[in-house]
């Protein structure tokens, strides 16, 4: 059932298809965009099919004032991934242990790690 004051035009009281004034449609659409609102519940409250309300939302949404809480689109850019500067190396020790590192590793540090591991 519709709340009083909405759709009181003679067309709305005729059996069959109802005709809703634009101002009533806008009010119902705005209510359906309220934070936490359910389109199905708003439609049911006014005796509408939810599909009709979705149609009205597409029709009237651009004319409604923007909410501060509404999600907004922001521009984005997708940049190419930087290419690796030298690849990756892997050393397999006698016991099956693997040491993986980038090609840009400091040679002196790598030598100390390999020497320490070989003493085990």
Protein backbone atom coordinates (compact mmCIF):
# COMPACT_ATOMS: atom_id res chain seq x y z
CA UNK A 1 0.00 0.00 0.00
CA UNK A 2 1.19 3.49 -0.81
CA UNK A 3 1.56 6.18 1.84
CA UNK A 4 -1.01 8.93 1.65
CA UNK A 5 -0.16 11.87 -0.55
CA UNK A 6 1.71 9.87 -3.18
CA UNK A 7 0.09 9.00 -6.47
CA UNK A 8 -3.22 10.64 -5.62
CA UNK A 9 -3.85 11.57 -9.24
CA UNK A 10 -7.04 10.21 -10.91
CA UNK A 11 -4.91 7.93 -13.10
CA UNK A 12 -3.49 6.27 -10.00
CA UNK A 13 -6.94 5.31 -8.66
CA UNK A 14 -8.01 3.62 -11.93
CA UNK A 15 -7.86 -0.18 -11.95
CA UNK A 16 -5.08 -1.70 -14.06
CA UNK A 17 -1.93 0.28 -14.74
CA UNK A 18 -1.14 3.10 -12.38
CA UNK A 19 0.37 6.35 -13.51
CA UNK A 20 2.70 7.96 -11.01
CA UNK A 21 3.41 11.71 -11.13
CA UNK A 22 7.10 12.48 -11.74
CA UNK A 23 7.46 14.19 -8.34
CA UNK A 24 6.26 11.02 -6.58
CA UNK A 25 8.62 8.87 -8.63
CA UNK A 26 11.53 11.14 -7.70
CA UNK A 27 10.65 10.93 -4.01
CA UNK A 28 10.45 7.12 -4.10
CA UNK A 29 13.70 6.87 -6.08
CA UNK A 30 15.49 9.18 -3.63
CA UNK A 31 14.22 7.03 -0.77
CA UNK A 32 15.61 3.92 -2.49
CA UNK A 33 19.09 5.53 -2.65
CA UNK A 34 19.13 6.36 1.08
CA UNK A 35 21.97 4.67 3.00
CA UNK A 36 20.87 1.22 4.12
CA UNK A 37 17.69 1.28 2.00
CA UNK A 38 16.50 -1.89 0.29
CA UNK A 39 15.03 -1.41 -3.18
CA UNK A 40 12.74 -4.40 -2.64
CA UNK A 41 11.42 -3.01 0.67
CA UNK A 42 10.88 0.50 -0.73
CA UNK A 43 9.07 -0.95 -3.75
CA UNK A 44 6.87 -3.11 -1.53
CA UNK A 45 6.04 -0.15 0.71
CA UNK A 46 4.60 1.70 -2.30
CA UNK A 47 2.98 -1.33 -3.93
CA UNK A 48 5.49 -1.36 -6.80
CA UNK A 49 7.31 -4.12 -8.58
CA UNK A 50 11.02 -3.82 -7.75
CA UNK A 51 11.83 -3.91 -11.48
CA UNK A 52 9.73 -0.76 -11.99
CA UNK A 53 11.64 0.98 -9.22
CA UNK A 54 14.96 -0.02 -10.82
CA UNK A 55 13.70 1.49 -14.10
CA UNK A 56 12.80 4.72 -12.31
CA UNK A 57 16.20 4.75 -10.61
CA UNK A 58 17.93 4.64 -14.01
CA UNK A 59 15.59 7.35 -15.27
CA UNK A 60 15.86 9.77 -12.34
CA UNK A 61 19.20 9.01 -10.69
CA UNK A 62 21.20 11.52 -12.78
CA UNK A 63 18.77 14.28 -11.69
CA UNK A 64 19.07 13.60 -7.96
CA UNK A 65 21.46 15.67 -5.86
CA UNK A 66 24.68 13.79 -5.11
CA UNK A 67 25.06 12.52 -1.57
CA UNK A 68 28.28 13.22 0.29
CA UNK A 69 28.35 9.55 1.32
CA UNK A 70 27.74 8.24 -2.20
CA UNK A 71 30.52 6.32 -3.86
CA UNK A 72 32.24 8.26 -6.59
CA UNK A 73 34.43 7.17 -9.45
CA UNK A 74 38.02 8.36 -9.51
CA UNK A 75 40.45 8.27 -12.42
CA UNK A 76 43.06 5.52 -12.34
CA UNK A 77 46.07 4.66 -14.46
CA UNK A 78 47.51 1.23 -15.05
CA UNK A 79 51.26 1.38 -15.43
CA UNK A 80 53.36 -1.39 -16.94
CA UNK A 81 55.30 -3.48 -14.47
CA UNK A 82 58.95 -2.51 -14.24
CA UNK A 83 61.15 -5.03 -15.96
CA UNK A 84 63.59 -6.95 -13.76
CA UNK A 85 67.12 -5.59 -13.87
CA UNK A 86 68.99 -8.83 -14.07
CA UNK A 87 66.91 -11.81 -13.20
CA UNK A 88 67.14 -14.30 -10.41
CA UNK A 89 69.75 -16.87 -9.44
CA UNK A 90 69.47 -20.10 -7.53
CA UNK A 91 72.20 -22.21 -5.91
CA UNK A 92 71.43 -25.79 -4.87
CA UNK A 93 73.67 -27.09 -2.10
CA UNK A 94 74.70 -30.75 -1.63
CA UNK A 95 72.00 -31.43 0.97
CA UNK A 96 69.30 -30.16 -1.38
CA UNK A 97 69.07 -26.73 0.21
CA UNK A 98 68.39 -23.93 -2.22
CA UNK A 99 69.55 -20.34 -2.05
CA UNK A 100 67.58 -17.94 -4.27
CA UNK A 101 68.56 -14.32 -4.78
CA UNK A 102 68.39 -11.52 -7.27
CA UNK A 103 71.19 -10.95 -9.74
CA UNK A 104 71.83 -7.58 -8.10
CA UNK A 105 72.98 -9.16 -4.82
CA UNK A 106 76.30 -7.93 -3.44
CA UNK A 107 78.94 -10.53 -4.42
CA UNK A 108 80.84 -10.15 -1.11
CA UNK A 109 77.69 -10.84 0.91
CA UNK A 110 76.84 -13.83 -1.25
CA UNK A 111 80.36 -15.24 -0.83
CA UNK A 112 80.08 -15.01 2.98
CA UNK A 113 76.66 -16.78 2.95
CA UNK A 114 77.92 -19.61 0.72
CA UNK A 115 81.08 -20.01 2.83
CA UNK A 116 79.07 -20.14 6.07
CA UNK A 117 76.69 -22.72 4.65
CA UNK A 118 79.50 -24.90 3.28
CA UNK A 119 81.01 -25.24 6.79
CA UNK A 120 77.92 -26.95 8.19
